[in-house]
Amino acid sequence: MDPIFKALADRERRKVLDLLRRKDGRTLQDLCRYFSMSRFGVMKHLRVLTRAGLVTVRREGRFALHFLNPVPIQRIADRWLSRFTKGWAAALLDLKARLETEARRGRKGK
C-alpha cells in the first residue's frame, strides 16, 4: 500500500487520476495538454501511477492509452472506511424499507 499512498500524495498525480476518471483511455499527448510541465515530467508521474497499480496502459499501434484502475483505491476504502460506512448503509436500507411500508399503507387507505 505504500506505493499507492506515495502516488496519491502528489497533487499533479491526483490531477492525472482525475483526468482519467473523467475520460479513460487518454494518450500521453492528451494528458500533457493539462499540465505546464514537460512531456517527460508527465511521463514520470504516469510511471509512478502505473507502478502503484493506479493506472494501466494498453498499446494500440504507436499509441499508449492510459486507464484509471480504481481497484487499489477501493482496497484502501475497504480497509480504512468500510467500518464507518456499514452503519450508514444499514440505516439507509432501514429507512427505505420504512418509507416503502408507509407508502403501501397510504395507498391501501385511499
PDB file of N, CA and C in Angstrom:
ATOM      1  N   MET A   1       0.801  -1.204   0.000  1.00  0.00           N
ATOM      2  CA  MET A   1       0.000   0.000   0.000  1.00  0.00           C
ATOM      3  C   MET A   1       0.844   1.269   0.000  1.00  0.00           C
ATOM      4  N   ASP A   2       2.073   1.176   0.416  1.00  0.00           N
ATOM      5  CA  ASP A   2       2.919   2.362   0.440  1.00  0.00           C
ATOM      6  C   ASP A   2       3.075   3.023  -0.929  1.00  0.00           C
ATOM      7  N   PRO A   3       3.276   2.239  -2.013  1.00  0.00           N
ATOM      8  CA  PRO A   3       3.376   2.893  -3.325  1.00  0.00           C
ATOM      9  C   PRO A   3       2.093   3.634  -3.715  1.00  0.00           C
ATOM     10  N   ILE A   4       0.965   3.128  -3.273  1.00  0.00           N
ATOM     11  CA  ILE A   4      -0.307   3.784  -3.594  1.00  0.00           C
ATOM     12  C   ILE A   4      -0.396   5.122  -2.880  1.00  0.00           C
ATOM     13  N   PHE A   5      -0.072   5.129  -1.584  1.00  0.00           N
ATOM     14  CA  PHE A   5      -0.113   6.382  -0.832  1.00  0.00           C
ATOM     15  C   PHE A   5       0.917   7.368  -1.367  1.00  0.00           C
ATOM     16  N   LYS A   6       2.083   6.888  -1.746  1.00  0.00           N
ATOM     17  CA  LYS A   6       3.113   7.759  -2.327  1.00  0.00           C
ATOM     18  C   LYS A   6       2.598   8.387  -3.614  1.00  0.00           C
ATOM     19  N   ALA A   7       1.955   7.570  -4.445  1.00  0.00           N
ATOM     20  CA  ALA A   7       1.433   8.080  -5.711  1.00  0.00           C
ATOM     21  C   ALA A   7       0.326   9.103  -5.475  1.00  0.00           C
ATOM     22  N   LEU A   8      -0.528   8.856  -4.501  1.00  0.00           N
ATOM     23  CA  LEU A   8      -1.644   9.757  -4.225  1.00  0.00           C
ATOM     24  C   LEU A   8      -1.223  11.032  -3.496  1.00  0.00           C
ATOM     25  N   ALA A   9      -0.047  11.035  -2.938  1.00  0.00           N
ATOM     26  CA  ALA A   9       0.407  12.188  -2.153  1.00  0.00           C
ATOM     27  C   ALA A   9       0.712  13.408  -3.012  1.00  0.00           C
ATOM     28  N   ASP A  10       0.949  13.210  -4.288  1.00  0.00           N
ATOM     29  CA  ASP A  10       1.328  14.317  -5.162  1.00  0.00           C
ATOM     30  C   ASP A  10       0.097  14.901  -5.864  1.00  0.00           C
ATOM     31  N   ARG A  11      -0.031  16.214  -5.815  1.00  0.00           N
ATOM     32  CA  ARG A  11      -1.174  16.919  -6.410  1.00  0.00           C
ATOM     33  C   ARG A  11      -1.263  16.686  -7.922  1.00  0.00           C
ATOM     34  N   GLU A  12      -0.131  16.700  -8.607  1.00  0.00           N
ATOM     35  CA  GLU A  12      -0.143  16.525 -10.058  1.00  0.00           C
ATOM     36  C   GLU A  12      -0.593  15.107 -10.438  1.00  0.00           C
ATOM     37  N   ARG A  13      -0.177  14.117  -9.657  1.00  0.00           N
ATOM     38  CA  ARG A  13      -0.607  12.751  -9.947  1.00  0.00           C
ATOM     39  C   ARG A  13      -2.106  12.580  -9.687  1.00  0.00           C
ATOM     40  N   ARG A  14      -2.607  13.248  -8.654  1.00  0.00           N
ATOM     41  CA  ARG A  14      -4.058  13.204  -8.418  1.00  0.00           C
ATOM     42  C   ARG A  14      -4.803  13.866  -9.575  1.00  0.00           C
ATOM     43  N   LYS A  15      -4.203  14.900 -10.148  1.00  0.00           N
ATOM     44  CA  LYS A  15      -4.817  15.559 -11.304  1.00  0.00           C
ATOM     45  C   LYS A  15      -4.866  14.598 -12.497  1.00  0.00           C
ATOM     46  N   VAL A  16      -3.812  13.814 -12.704  1.00  0.00           N
ATOM     47  CA  VAL A  16      -3.810  12.800 -13.763  1.00  0.00           C
ATOM     48  C   VAL A  16      -4.952  11.816 -13.535  1.00  0.00           C
ATOM     49  N   LEU A  17      -5.099  11.345 -12.299  1.00  0.00           N
ATOM     50  CA  LEU A  17      -6.175  10.399 -11.987  1.00  0.00           C
ATOM     51  C   LEU A  17      -7.547  11.025 -12.219  1.00  0.00           C
ATOM     52  N   ASP A  18      -7.702  12.293 -11.855  1.00  0.00           N
ATOM     53  CA  ASP A  18      -8.974  12.979 -12.094  1.00  0.00           C
ATOM     54  C   ASP A  18      -9.279  13.068 -13.588  1.00  0.00           C
ATOM     55  N   LEU A  19      -8.259  13.363 -14.383  1.00  0.00           N
ATOM     56  CA  LEU A  19      -8.449  13.433 -15.834  1.00  0.00           C
ATOM     57  C   LEU A  19      -8.862  12.078 -16.400  1.00  0.00           C
ATOM     58  N   LEU A  20      -8.232  11.020 -15.911  1.00  0.00           N
ATOM     59  CA  LEU A  20      -8.577   9.676 -16.382  1.00  0.00           C
ATOM     60  C   LEU A  20      -9.954   9.243 -15.884  1.00  0.00           C
ATOM     61  N   ARG A  21     -10.342   9.735 -14.723  1.00  0.00           N
ATOM     62  CA  ARG A  21     -11.681   9.418 -14.211  1.00  0.00           C
ATOM     63  C   ARG A  21     -12.743  10.057 -15.107  1.00  0.00           C
ATOM     64  N   ARG A  22     -12.464  11.277 -15.575  1.00  0.00           N
ATOM     65  CA  ARG A  22     -13.416  11.960 -16.456  1.00  0.00           C
ATOM     66  C   ARG A  22     -13.492  11.315 -17.837  1.00  0.00           C
ATOM     67  N   LYS A  23     -12.317  10.883 -18.343  1.00  0.00           N
ATOM     68  CA  LYS A  23     -12.277  10.253 -19.670  1.00  0.00           C
ATOM     69  C   LYS A  23     -11.106   9.277 -19.697  1.00  0.00           C
ATOM     70  N   ASP A  24     -11.420   8.001 -19.723  1.00  0.00           N
ATOM     71  CA  ASP A  24     -10.397   6.960 -19.755  1.00  0.00           C
ATOM     72  C   ASP A  24      -9.800   6.815 -21.152  1.00  0.00           C
ATOM     73  N   GLY A  25      -8.644   6.165 -21.219  1.00  0.00           N
ATOM     74  CA  GLY A  25      -8.023   5.875 -22.500  1.00  0.00           C
ATOM     75  C   GLY A  25      -7.333   7.063 -23.129  1.00  0.00           C
ATOM     76  N   ARG A  26      -6.744   7.913 -22.315  1.00  0.00           N
ATOM     77  CA  ARG A  26      -6.057   9.094 -22.840  1.00  0.00           C
ATOM     78  C   ARG A  26      -4.619   8.758 -23.227  1.00  0.00           C
ATOM     79  N   THR A  27      -4.148   9.451 -24.234  1.00  0.00           N
ATOM     80  CA  THR A  27      -2.751   9.312 -24.644  1.00  0.00           C
ATOM     81  C   THR A  27      -1.890  10.266 -23.823  1.00  0.00           C
ATOM     82  N   LEU A  28      -0.591  10.061 -23.872  1.00  0.00           N
ATOM     83  CA  LEU A  28       0.335  10.963 -23.196  1.00  0.00           C
ATOM     84  C   LEU A  28       0.183  12.384 -23.731  1.00  0.00           C
ATOM     85  N   GLN A  29       0.070  12.501 -25.033  1.00  0.00           N
ATOM     86  CA  GLN A  29      -0.087  13.817 -25.658  1.00  0.00           C
ATOM     87  C   GLN A  29      -1.330  14.525 -25.135  1.00  0.00           C
ATOM     88  N   ASP A  30      -2.420  13.801 -25.010  1.00  0.00           N
ATOM     89  CA  ASP A  30      -3.657  14.375 -24.497  1.00  0.00           C
ATOM     90  C   ASP A  30      -3.480  14.835 -23.056  1.00  0.00           C
ATOM     91  N   LEU A  31      -2.857  14.015 -22.231  1.00  0.00           N
ATOM     92  CA  LEU A  31      -2.643  14.382 -20.825  1.00  0.00           C
ATOM     93  C   LEU A  31      -1.730  15.596 -20.695  1.00  0.00           C
ATOM     94  N   CYS A  32      -0.731  15.694 -21.539  1.00  0.00           N
ATOM     95  CA  CYS A  32       0.225  16.804 -21.455  1.00  0.00           C
ATOM     96  C   CYS A  32      -0.437  18.163 -21.645  1.00  0.00           C
ATOM     97  N   ARG A  33      -1.547  18.211 -22.351  1.00  0.00           N
ATOM     98  CA  ARG A  33      -2.235  19.492 -22.585  1.00  0.00           C
ATOM     99  C   ARG A  33      -2.706  20.145 -21.296  1.00  0.00           C
ATOM    100  N   TYR A  34      -2.884  19.362 -20.246  1.00  0.00           N
ATOM    101  CA  TYR A  34      -3.438  19.874 -18.994  1.00  0.00           C
ATOM    102  C   TYR A  34      -2.377  20.277 -17.979  1.00  0.00           C
ATOM    103  N   PHE A  35      -1.104  20.171 -18.347  1.00  0.00           N
ATOM    104  CA  PHE A  35      -0.019  20.459 -17.409  1.00  0.00           C
ATOM    105  C   PHE A  35       0.950  21.466 -17.997  1.00  0.00           C
ATOM    106  N   SER A  36       1.554  22.246 -17.122  1.00  0.00           N
ATOM    107  CA  SER A  36       2.556  23.210 -17.574  1.00  0.00           C
ATOM    108  C   SER A  36       3.955  22.602 -17.537  1.00  0.00           C
ATOM    109  N   MET A  37       4.078  21.344 -17.128  1.00  0.00           N
ATOM    110  CA  MET A  37       5.382  20.686 -17.065  1.00  0.00           C
ATOM    111  C   MET A  37       5.707  20.038 -18.417  1.00  0.00           C
ATOM    112  N   SER A  38       6.919  19.567 -18.526  1.00  0.00           N
ATOM    113  CA  SER A  38       7.362  18.928 -19.765  1.00  0.00           C
ATOM    114  C   SER A  38       6.688  17.574 -19.963  1.00  0.00           C
ATOM    115  N   ARG A  39       6.782  17.073 -21.166  1.00  0.00           N
ATOM    116  CA  ARG A  39       6.265  15.750 -21.503  1.00  0.00           C
ATOM    117  C   ARG A  39       6.918  14.693 -20.618  1.00  0.00           C
ATOM    118  N   PHE A  40       8.208  14.857 -20.367  1.00  0.00           N
ATOM    119  CA  PHE A  40       8.934  13.896 -19.536  1.00  0.00           C
ATOM    120  C   PHE A  40       8.469  13.940 -18.088  1.00  0.00           C
ATOM    121  N   GLY A  41       8.070  15.109 -17.617  1.00  0.00           N
ATOM    122  CA  GLY A  41       7.512  15.227 -16.271  1.00  0.00           C
ATOM    123  C   GLY A  41       6.205  14.454 -16.141  1.00  0.00           C
ATOM    124  N   VAL A  42       5.340  14.584 -17.141  1.00  0.00           N
ATOM    125  CA  VAL A  42       4.072  13.850 -17.131  1.00  0.00           C
ATOM    126  C   VAL A  42       4.354  12.347 -17.212  1.00  0.00           C
ATOM    127  N   MET A  43       5.321  11.959 -18.040  1.00  0.00           N
ATOM    128  CA  MET A  43       5.686  10.546 -18.151  1.00  0.00           C
ATOM    129  C   MET A  43       6.157   9.991 -16.807  1.00  0.00           C
ATOM    130  N   LYS A  44       6.919  10.797 -16.085  1.00  0.00           N
ATOM    131  CA  LYS A  44       7.423  10.365 -14.774  1.00  0.00           C
ATOM    132  C   LYS A  44       6.254  10.117 -13.815  1.00  0.00           C
ATOM    133  N   HIS A  45       5.286  11.021 -13.816  1.00  0.00           N
ATOM    134  CA  HIS A  45       4.108  10.845 -12.951  1.00  0.00           C
ATOM    135  C   HIS A  45       3.315   9.604 -13.369  1.00  0.00           C
ATOM    136  N   LEU A  46       3.165   9.400 -14.659  1.00  0.00           N
ATOM    137  CA  LEU A  46       2.459   8.210 -15.140  1.00  0.00           C
ATOM    138  C   LEU A  46       3.183   6.931 -14.730  1.00  0.00           C
ATOM    139  N   ARG A  47       4.505   6.966 -14.743  1.00  0.00           N
ATOM    140  CA  ARG A  47       5.289   5.793 -14.342  1.00  0.00           C
ATOM    141  C   ARG A  47       5.026   5.451 -12.876  1.00  0.00           C
ATOM    142  N   VAL A  48       5.001   6.468 -12.017  1.00  0.00           N
ATOM    143  CA  VAL A  48       4.730   6.246 -10.586  1.00  0.00           C
ATOM    144  C   VAL A  48       3.325   5.675 -10.403  1.00  0.00           C
ATOM    145  N   LEU A  49       2.360   6.245 -11.114  1.00  0.00           N
ATOM    146  CA  LEU A  49       0.974   5.776 -11.012  1.00  0.00           C
ATOM    147  C   LEU A  49       0.824   4.348 -11.533  1.00  0.00           C
ATOM    148  N   THR A  50       1.553   4.027 -12.585  1.00  0.00           N
ATOM    149  CA  THR A  50       1.496   2.675 -13.147  1.00  0.00           C
ATOM    150  C   THR A  50       2.125   1.665 -12.195  1.00  0.00           C
ATOM    151  N   ARG A  51       3.270   2.014 -11.619  1.00  0.00           N
ATOM    152  CA  ARG A  51       3.923   1.101 -10.671  1.00  0.00           C
ATOM    153  C   ARG A  51       3.063   0.868  -9.434  1.00  0.00           C
ATOM    154  N   ALA A  52       2.285   1.865  -9.057  1.00  0.00           N
ATOM    155  CA  ALA A  52       1.397   1.725  -7.895  1.00  0.00           C
ATOM    156  C   ALA A  52       0.129   0.959  -8.257  1.00  0.00           C
ATOM    157  N   GLY A  53      -0.072   0.693  -9.550  1.00  0.00           N
ATOM    158  CA  GLY A  53      -1.254  -0.040  -9.985  1.00  0.00           C
ATOM    159  C   GLY A  53      -2.480   0.827 -10.166  1.00  0.00           C
ATOM    160  N   LEU A  54      -2.322   2.138 -10.090  1.00  0.00           N
ATOM    161  CA  LEU A  54      -3.451   3.049 -10.219  1.00  0.00           C
ATOM    162  C   LEU A  54      -3.784   3.373 -11.674  1.00  0.00           C
ATOM    163  N   VAL A  55      -2.828   3.150 -12.561  1.00  0.00           N
ATOM    164  CA  VAL A  55      -3.024   3.385 -13.989  1.00  0.00           C
ATOM    165  C   VAL A  55      -2.570   2.139 -14.740  1.00  0.00           C
ATOM    166  N   THR A  56      -3.349   1.750 -15.708  1.00  0.00           N
ATOM    167  CA  THR A  56      -2.951   0.656 -16.595  1.00  0.00           C
ATOM    168  C   THR A  56      -2.753   1.239 -17.986  1.00  0.00           C
ATOM    169  N   VAL A  57      -1.894   0.577 -18.757  1.00  0.00           N
ATOM    170  CA  VAL A  57      -1.553   1.067 -20.092  1.00  0.00           C
ATOM    171  C   VAL A  57      -1.862  -0.024 -21.109  1.00  0.00           C
ATOM    172  N   ARG A  58      -2.503   0.388 -22.180  1.00  0.00           N
ATOM    173  CA  ARG A  58      -2.773  -0.535 -23.277  1.00  0.00           C
ATOM    174  C   ARG A  58      -2.243   0.091 -24.560  1.00  0.00           C
ATOM    175  N   ARG A  59      -1.455  -0.659 -25.272  1.00  0.00           N
ATOM    176  CA  ARG A  59      -0.868  -0.177 -26.524  1.00  0.00           C
ATOM    177  C   ARG A  59      -1.832  -0.433 -27.675  1.00  0.00           C
ATOM    178  N   GLU A  60      -2.008   0.598 -28.476  1.00  0.00           N
ATOM    179  CA  GLU A  60      -2.791   0.486 -29.713  1.00  0.00           C
ATOM    180  C   GLU A  60      -1.967   1.133 -30.816  1.00  0.00           C
ATOM    181  N   GLY A  61      -1.315   0.278 -31.602  1.00  0.00           N
ATOM    182  CA  GLY A  61      -0.431   0.802 -32.631  1.00  0.00           C
ATOM    183  C   GLY A  61       0.731   1.530 -31.999  1.00  0.00           C
ATOM    184  N   ARG A  62       0.945   2.759 -32.408  1.00  0.00           N
ATOM    185  CA  ARG A  62       2.060   3.525 -31.835  1.00  0.00           C
ATOM    186  C   ARG A  62       1.659   4.335 -30.607  1.00  0.00           C
ATOM    187  N   PHE A  63       0.414   4.225 -30.205  1.00  0.00           N
ATOM    188  CA  PHE A  63      -0.075   4.979 -29.050  1.00  0.00           C
ATOM    189  C   PHE A  63      -0.195   4.091 -27.819  1.00  0.00           C
ATOM    190  N   ALA A  64       0.038   4.697 -26.681  1.00  0.00           N
ATOM    191  CA  ALA A  64      -0.203   4.044 -25.397  1.00  0.00           C
ATOM    192  C   ALA A  64      -1.399   4.750 -24.761  1.00  0.00           C
ATOM    193  N   LEU A  65      -2.437   3.992 -24.481  1.00  0.00           N
ATOM    194  CA  LEU A  65      -3.629   4.558 -23.853  1.00  0.00           C
ATOM    195  C   LEU A  65      -3.584   4.274 -22.366  1.00  0.00           C
ATOM    196  N   HIS A  66      -3.878   5.280 -21.563  1.00  0.00           N
ATOM    197  CA  HIS A  66      -3.800   5.190 -20.111  1.00  0.00           C
ATOM    198  C   HIS A  66      -5.207   5.133 -19.526  1.00  0.00           C
ATOM    199  N   PHE A  67      -5.397   4.199 -18.608  1.00  0.00           N
ATOM    200  CA  PHE A  67      -6.699   3.973 -17.993  1.00  0.00           C
ATOM    201  C   PHE A  67      -6.576   3.992 -16.472  1.00  0.00           C
ATOM    202  N   LEU A  68      -7.579   4.544 -15.818  1.00  0.00           N
ATOM    203  CA  LEU A  68      -7.641   4.536 -14.357  1.00  0.00           C
ATOM    204  C   LEU A  68      -7.979   3.135 -13.876  1.00  0.00           C
ATOM    205  N   ASN A  69      -7.248   2.655 -12.893  1.00  0.00           N
ATOM    206  CA  ASN A  69      -7.558   1.382 -12.240  1.00  0.00           C
ATOM    207  C   ASN A  69      -8.004   1.711 -10.818  1.00  0.00           C
ATOM    208  N   PRO A  70      -9.307   1.687 -10.538  1.00  0.00           N
ATOM    209  CA  PRO A  70      -9.808   2.088  -9.225  1.00  0.00           C
ATOM    210  C   PRO A  70      -9.658   1.021  -8.138  1.00  0.00           C
ATOM    211  N   VAL A  71      -9.214  -0.180  -8.497  1.00  0.00           N
ATOM    212  CA  VAL A  71      -9.156  -1.283  -7.530  1.00  0.00           C
ATOM    213  C   VAL A  71      -8.279  -0.959  -6.319  1.00  0.00           C
ATOM    214  N   PRO A  72      -7.053  -0.431  -6.495  1.00  0.00           N
ATOM    215  CA  PRO A  72      -6.246  -0.129  -5.298  1.00  0.00           C
ATOM    216  C   PRO A  72      -6.902   0.899  -4.376  1.00  0.00           C
ATOM    217  N   ILE A  73      -7.586   1.864  -4.949  1.00  0.00           N
ATOM    218  CA  ILE A  73      -8.262   2.874  -4.123  1.00  0.00           C
ATOM    219  C   ILE A  73      -9.430   2.229  -3.382  1.00  0.00           C
ATOM    220  N   GLN A  74     -10.132   1.314  -4.054  1.00  0.00           N
ATOM    221  CA  GLN A  74     -11.233   0.604  -3.402  1.00  0.00           C
ATOM    222  C   GLN A  74     -10.725  -0.249  -2.247  1.00  0.00           C
ATOM    223  N   ARG A  75      -9.568  -0.876  -2.427  1.00  0.00           N
ATOM    224  CA  ARG A  75      -8.981  -1.670  -1.338  1.00  0.00           C
ATOM    225  C   ARG A  75      -8.682  -0.798  -0.126  1.00  0.00           C
ATOM    226  N   ILE A  76      -8.179   0.403  -0.377  1.00  0.00           N
ATOM    227  CA  ILE A  76      -7.908   1.341   0.724  1.00  0.00           C
ATOM    228  C   ILE A  76      -9.216   1.706   1.412  1.00  0.00           C
ATOM    229  N   ALA A  77     -10.238   2.003   0.615  1.00  0.00           N
ATOM    230  CA  ALA A  77     -11.539   2.356   1.196  1.00  0.00           C
ATOM    231  C   ALA A  77     -12.095   1.200   2.009  1.00  0.00           C
ATOM    232  N   ASP A  78     -11.981  -0.008   1.477  1.00  0.00           N
ATOM    233  CA  ASP A  78     -12.484  -1.170   2.210  1.00  0.00           C
ATOM    234  C   ASP A  78     -11.746  -1.350   3.532  1.00  0.00           C
ATOM    235  N   ARG A  79     -10.451  -1.153   3.499  1.00  0.00           N
ATOM    236  CA  ARG A  79      -9.649  -1.365   4.706  1.00  0.00           C
ATOM    237  C   ARG A  79      -9.878  -0.276   5.747  1.00  0.00           C
ATOM    238  N   TRP A  80      -9.931   0.971   5.317  1.00  0.00           N
ATOM    239  CA  TRP A  80      -9.939   2.079   6.270  1.00  0.00           C
ATOM    240  C   TRP A  80     -11.303   2.704   6.503  1.00  0.00           C
ATOM    241  N   LEU A  81     -12.239   2.571   5.562  1.00  0.00           N
ATOM    242  CA  LEU A  81     -13.504   3.278   5.688  1.00  0.00           C
ATOM    243  C   LEU A  81     -14.722   2.391   5.855  1.00  0.00           C
ATOM    244  N   SER A  82     -14.636   1.131   5.468  1.00  0.00           N
ATOM    245  CA  SER A  82     -15.822   0.275   5.479  1.00  0.00           C
ATOM    246  C   SER A  82     -16.451   0.170   6.864  1.00  0.00           C
ATOM    247  N   ARG A  83     -15.632   0.221   7.877  1.00  0.00           N
ATOM    248  CA  ARG A  83     -16.155   0.149   9.248  1.00  0.00           C
ATOM    249  C   ARG A  83     -17.128   1.290   9.526  1.00  0.00           C
ATOM    250  N   PHE A  84     -16.860   2.452   8.941  1.00  0.00           N
ATOM    251  CA  PHE A  84     -17.697   3.619   9.194  1.00  0.00           C
ATOM    252  C   PHE A  84     -18.924   3.660   8.298  1.00  0.00           C
ATOM    253  N   THR A  85     -18.858   3.033   7.143  1.00  0.00           N
ATOM    254  CA  THR A  85     -19.971   3.109   6.195  1.00  0.00           C
ATOM    255  C   THR A  85     -21.001   2.024   6.398  1.00  0.00           C
ATOM    256  N   LYS A  86     -20.646   0.935   7.042  1.00  0.00           N
ATOM    257  CA  LYS A  86     -21.603  -0.161   7.232  1.00  0.00           C
ATOM    258  C   LYS A  86     -22.835   0.298   7.996  1.00  0.00           C
ATOM    259  N   GLY A  87     -22.653   1.066   9.036  1.00  0.00           N
ATOM    260  CA  GLY A  87     -23.781   1.566   9.826  1.00  0.00           C
ATOM    261  C   GLY A  87     -24.689   2.465   9.019  1.00  0.00           C
ATOM    262  N   TRP A  88     -24.085   3.329   8.194  1.00  0.00           N
ATOM    263  CA  TRP A  88     -24.877   4.229   7.352  1.00  0.00           C
ATOM    264  C   TRP A  88     -25.672   3.447   6.321  1.00  0.00           C
ATOM    265  N   ALA A  89     -25.049   2.449   5.719  1.00  0.00           N
ATOM    266  CA  ALA A  89     -25.744   1.647   4.715  1.00  0.00           C
ATOM    267  C   ALA A  89     -26.925   0.922   5.339  1.00  0.00           C
ATOM    268  N   ALA A  90     -26.728   0.354   6.512  1.00  0.00           N
ATOM    269  CA  ALA A  90     -27.816  -0.346   7.196  1.00  0.00           C
ATOM    270  C   ALA A  90     -28.945   0.629   7.538  1.00  0.00           C
ATOM    271  N   ALA A  91     -28.596   1.814   8.005  1.00  0.00           N
ATOM    272  CA  ALA A  91     -29.608   2.811   8.354  1.00  0.00           C
ATOM    273  C   ALA A  91     -30.393   3.258   7.118  1.00  0.00           C
ATOM    274  N   LEU A  92     -29.714   3.435   5.990  1.00  0.00           N
ATOM    275  CA  LEU A  92     -30.402   3.838   4.768  1.00  0.00           C
ATOM    276  C   LEU A  92     -31.337   2.735   4.269  1.00  0.00           C
ATOM    277  N   LEU A  93     -30.901   1.488   4.364  1.00  0.00           N
ATOM    278  CA  LEU A  93     -31.770   0.378   3.969  1.00  0.00           C
ATOM    279  C   LEU A  93     -33.003   0.301   4.870  1.00  0.00           C
ATOM    280  N   ASP A  94     -32.803   0.519   6.167  1.00  0.00           N
ATOM    281  CA  ASP A  94     -33.924   0.518   7.114  1.00  0.00           C
ATOM    282  C   ASP A  94     -34.892   1.652   6.789  1.00  0.00           C
ATOM    283  N   LEU A  95     -34.366   2.842   6.520  1.00  0.00           N
ATOM    284  CA  LEU A  95     -35.205   3.995   6.164  1.00  0.00           C
ATOM    285  C   LEU A  95     -35.990   3.703   4.892  1.00  0.00           C
ATOM    286  N   LYS A  96     -35.350   3.141   3.899  1.00  0.00           N
ATOM    287  CA  LYS A  96     -36.013   2.789   2.636  1.00  0.00           C
ATOM    288  C   LYS A  96     -37.171   1.824   2.893  1.00  0.00           C
ATOM    289  N   ALA A  97     -36.924   0.809   3.686  1.00  0.00           N
ATOM    290  CA  ALA A  97     -37.969  -0.178   3.980  1.00  0.00           C
ATOM    291  C   ALA A  97     -39.157   0.480   4.692  1.00  0.00           C
ATOM    292  N   ARG A  98     -38.862   1.362   5.653  1.00  0.00           N
ATOM    293  CA  ARG A  98     -39.946   2.028   6.376  1.00  0.00           C
ATOM    294  C   ARG A  98     -40.758   2.938   5.460  1.00  0.00           C
ATOM    295  N   LEU A  99     -40.076   3.682   4.600  1.00  0.00           N
ATOM    296  CA  LEU A  99     -40.781   4.576   3.678  1.00  0.00           C
ATOM    297  C   LEU A  99     -41.641   3.795   2.694  1.00  0.00           C
ATOM    298  N   GLU A 100     -41.129   2.682   2.209  1.00  0.00           N
ATOM    299  CA  GLU A 100     -41.914   1.850   1.291  1.00  0.00           C
ATOM    300  C   GLU A 100     -43.127   1.260   1.988  1.00  0.00           C
ATOM    301  N   THR A 101     -42.961   0.849   3.233  1.00  0.00           N
ATOM    302  CA  THR A 101     -44.083   0.305   4.006  1.00  0.00           C
ATOM    303  C   THR A 101     -45.145   1.378   4.210  1.00  0.00           C
ATOM    304  N   GLU A 102     -44.721   2.584   4.571  1.00  0.00           N
ATOM    305  CA  GLU A 102     -45.673   3.678   4.773  1.00  0.00           C
ATOM    306  C   GLU A 102     -46.369   4.039   3.470  1.00  0.00           C
ATOM    307  N   ALA A 103     -45.650   3.991   2.363  1.00  0.00           N
ATOM    308  CA  ALA A 103     -46.248   4.312   1.068  1.00  0.00           C
ATOM    309  C   ALA A 103     -47.298   3.273   0.697  1.00  0.00           C
ATOM    310  N   ARG A 104     -47.034   1.998   0.981  1.00  0.00           N
ATOM    311  CA  ARG A 104     -48.013   0.939   0.694  1.00  0.00           C
ATOM    312  C   ARG A 104     -49.255   1.120   1.568  1.00  0.00           C
ATOM    313  N   ARG A 105     -49.043   1.459   2.834  1.00  0.00           N
ATOM    314  CA  ARG A 105     -50.184   1.678   3.727  1.00  0.00           C
ATOM    315  C   ARG A 105     -51.016   2.853   3.274  1.00  0.00           C
ATOM    316  N   GLY A 106     -50.331   3.898   2.782  1.00  0.00           N
ATOM    317  CA  GLY A 106     -51.033   5.088   2.300  1.00  0.00           C
ATOM    318  C   GLY A 106     -51.874   4.794   1.090  1.00  0.00           C
ATOM    319  N   ARG A 107     -51.404   3.921   0.192  1.00  0.00           N
ATOM    320  CA  ARG A 107     -52.163   3.555  -0.998  1.00  0.00           C
ATOM    321  C   ARG A 107     -53.378   2.696  -0.640  1.00  0.00           C
ATOM    322  N   LYS A 108     -53.255   1.849   0.357  1.00  0.00           N
ATOM    323  CA  LYS A 108     -54.340   0.975   0.765  1.00  0.00           C
ATOM    324  C   LYS A 108     -55.461   1.785   1.420  1.00  0.00           C
ATOM    325  N   GLY A 109     -55.097   2.854   2.111  1.00  0.00           N
ATOM    326  CA  GLY A 109     -56.080   3.645   2.828  1.00  0.00           C
ATOM    327  C   GLY A 109     -56.910   4.528   1.927  1.00  0.00           C
ATOM    328  N   LYS A 110     -56.499   4.723   0.689  1.00  0.00           N
ATOM    329  CA  LYS A 110     -57.255   5.606  -0.228  1.00  0.00           C
ATOM    330  C   LYS A 110     -58.374   4.910  -0.912  1.00  0.00           C
TER     331      LYS A 110
END
